[in-house]
């Protein structure tokens, strides 16, 4: 029972760090590719706190996409 609760909490926390709301198709392709590459590099690093890293990387991707000019 305890494992199920912990699993459910982790799934909810991971969903909060989702990139679903970030649409790189609406920004200039070169800038969007740079943001995507930076995000991929960010999440691929090993950390002891992967959920916190995921949140930080998602926030950085969102800021990067907002800084890009629109298509």
C-alpha atoms as a PDB file:
ATOM      1  CA  UNK A   1       0.000   0.000   0.000  1.00  0.00           C
ATOM      2  CA  UNK A   2       2.814   2.376   0.915  1.00  0.00           C
ATOM      3  CA  UNK A   3       4.594   1.734  -2.388  1.00  0.00           C
ATOM      4  CA  UNK A   4       1.404   2.489  -4.323  1.00  0.00           C
ATOM      5  CA  UNK A   5       0.975   5.819  -2.554  1.00  0.00           C
ATOM      6  CA  UNK A   6       4.601   6.789  -3.158  1.00  0.00           C
ATOM      7  CA  UNK A   7       4.270   5.766  -6.814  1.00  0.00           C
ATOM      8  CA  UNK A   8       1.129   7.847  -7.250  1.00  0.00           C
ATOM      9  CA  UNK A   9       2.789  10.881  -5.676  1.00  0.00           C
ATOM     10  CA  UNK A  10       5.817  10.532  -7.955  1.00  0.00           C
ATOM     11  CA  UNK A  11       3.583  10.317 -11.030  1.00  0.00           C
ATOM     12  CA  UNK A  12       1.748  13.489 -10.018  1.00  0.00           C
ATOM     13  CA  UNK A  13       5.020  15.334  -9.413  1.00  0.00           C
ATOM     14  CA  UNK A  14       6.430  14.177 -12.741  1.00  0.00           C
ATOM     15  CA  UNK A  15       3.300  15.353 -14.540  1.00  0.00           C
ATOM     16  CA  UNK A  16       3.761  18.826 -13.045  1.00  0.00           C
ATOM     17  CA  UNK A  17       7.093  19.061 -14.860  1.00  0.00           C
ATOM     18  CA  UNK A  18       5.584  18.141 -18.213  1.00  0.00           C
ATOM     19  CA  UNK A  19       6.513  20.022 -21.374  1.00  0.00           C
ATOM     20  CA  UNK A  20       3.027  19.604 -22.880  1.00  0.00           C
ATOM     21  CA  UNK A  21       2.246  23.318 -22.640  1.00  0.00           C
ATOM     22  CA  UNK A  22       5.426  24.348 -24.475  1.00  0.00           C
ATOM     23  CA  UNK A  23       4.921  24.435 -28.247  1.00  0.00           C
ATOM     24  CA  UNK A  24       8.234  24.949 -30.019  1.00  0.00           C
ATOM     25  CA  UNK A  25       6.467  24.770 -33.388  1.00  0.00           C
ATOM     26  CA  UNK A  26       5.243  28.332 -32.804  1.00  0.00           C
ATOM     27  CA  UNK A  27       8.751  29.814 -32.555  1.00  0.00           C
ATOM     28  CA  UNK A  28      11.523  30.305 -35.080  1.00  0.00           C
ATOM     29  CA  UNK A  29      12.991  26.878 -35.952  1.00  0.00           C
ATOM     30  CA  UNK A  30      16.629  27.705 -35.143  1.00  0.00           C
ATOM     31  CA  UNK A  31      15.733  29.118 -31.740  1.00  0.00           C
ATOM     32  CA  UNK A  32      13.378  26.211 -30.997  1.00  0.00           C
ATOM     33  CA  UNK A  33      16.100  23.716 -31.876  1.00  0.00           C
ATOM     34  CA  UNK A  34      18.522  25.449 -29.517  1.00  0.00           C
ATOM     35  CA  UNK A  35      15.943  25.351 -26.707  1.00  0.00           C
ATOM     36  CA  UNK A  36      15.249  21.686 -27.371  1.00  0.00           C
ATOM     37  CA  UNK A  37      18.948  20.784 -27.398  1.00  0.00           C
ATOM     38  CA  UNK A  38      19.520  22.661 -24.139  1.00  0.00           C
ATOM     39  CA  UNK A  39      16.550  20.864 -22.566  1.00  0.00           C
ATOM     40  CA  UNK A  40      17.810  17.457 -23.696  1.00  0.00           C
ATOM     41  CA  UNK A  41      21.250  18.171 -22.269  1.00  0.00           C
ATOM     42  CA  UNK A  42      19.717  19.423 -19.021  1.00  0.00           C
ATOM     43  CA  UNK A  43      17.571  16.339 -18.358  1.00  0.00           C
ATOM     44  CA  UNK A  44      20.299  13.896 -19.362  1.00  0.00           C
ATOM     45  CA  UNK A  45      22.568  14.883 -16.462  1.00  0.00           C
ATOM     46  CA  UNK A  46      22.675  12.526 -13.491  1.00  0.00           C
ATOM     47  CA  UNK A  47      21.417  14.014 -10.239  1.00  0.00           C
ATOM     48  CA  UNK A  48      20.309  12.722  -6.879  1.00  0.00           C
ATOM     49  CA  UNK A  49      17.068  14.709  -7.239  1.00  0.00           C
ATOM     50  CA  UNK A  50      15.704  13.885 -10.722  1.00  0.00           C
ATOM     51  CA  UNK A  51      12.254  15.417 -10.165  1.00  0.00           C
ATOM     52  CA  UNK A  52      13.742  18.731  -9.069  1.00  0.00           C
ATOM     53  CA  UNK A  53      16.042  18.661 -12.086  1.00  0.00           C
ATOM     54  CA  UNK A  54      13.070  17.922 -14.354  1.00  0.00           C
ATOM     55  CA  UNK A  55      11.220  20.947 -12.951  1.00  0.00           C
ATOM     56  CA  UNK A  56      14.240  23.195 -13.420  1.00  0.00           C
ATOM     57  CA  UNK A  57      14.837  21.976 -16.971  1.00  0.00           C
ATOM     58  CA  UNK A  58      11.168  22.435 -17.878  1.00  0.00           C
ATOM     59  CA  UNK A  59      11.184  25.967 -16.465  1.00  0.00           C
ATOM     60  CA  UNK A  60      14.333  26.752 -18.458  1.00  0.00           C
ATOM     61  CA  UNK A  61      12.731  25.368 -21.638  1.00  0.00           C
ATOM     62  CA  UNK A  62       9.631  27.488 -21.080  1.00  0.00           C
ATOM     63  CA  UNK A  63      11.727  30.649 -20.607  1.00  0.00           C
ATOM     64  CA  UNK A  64      13.825  29.836 -23.649  1.00  0.00           C
ATOM     65  CA  UNK A  65      10.726  29.318 -25.809  1.00  0.00           C
ATOM     66  CA  UNK A  66       9.210  32.585 -24.574  1.00  0.00           C
ATOM     67  CA  UNK A  67      12.396  34.423 -25.524  1.00  0.00           C
ATOM     68  CA  UNK A  68      12.279  33.085 -29.078  1.00  0.00           C
ATOM     69  CA  UNK A  69      10.669  35.154 -31.836  1.00  0.00           C
ATOM     70  CA  UNK A  70       7.374  33.818 -33.148  1.00  0.00           C
ATOM     71  CA  UNK A  71       7.147  32.274 -36.615  1.00  0.00           C
END
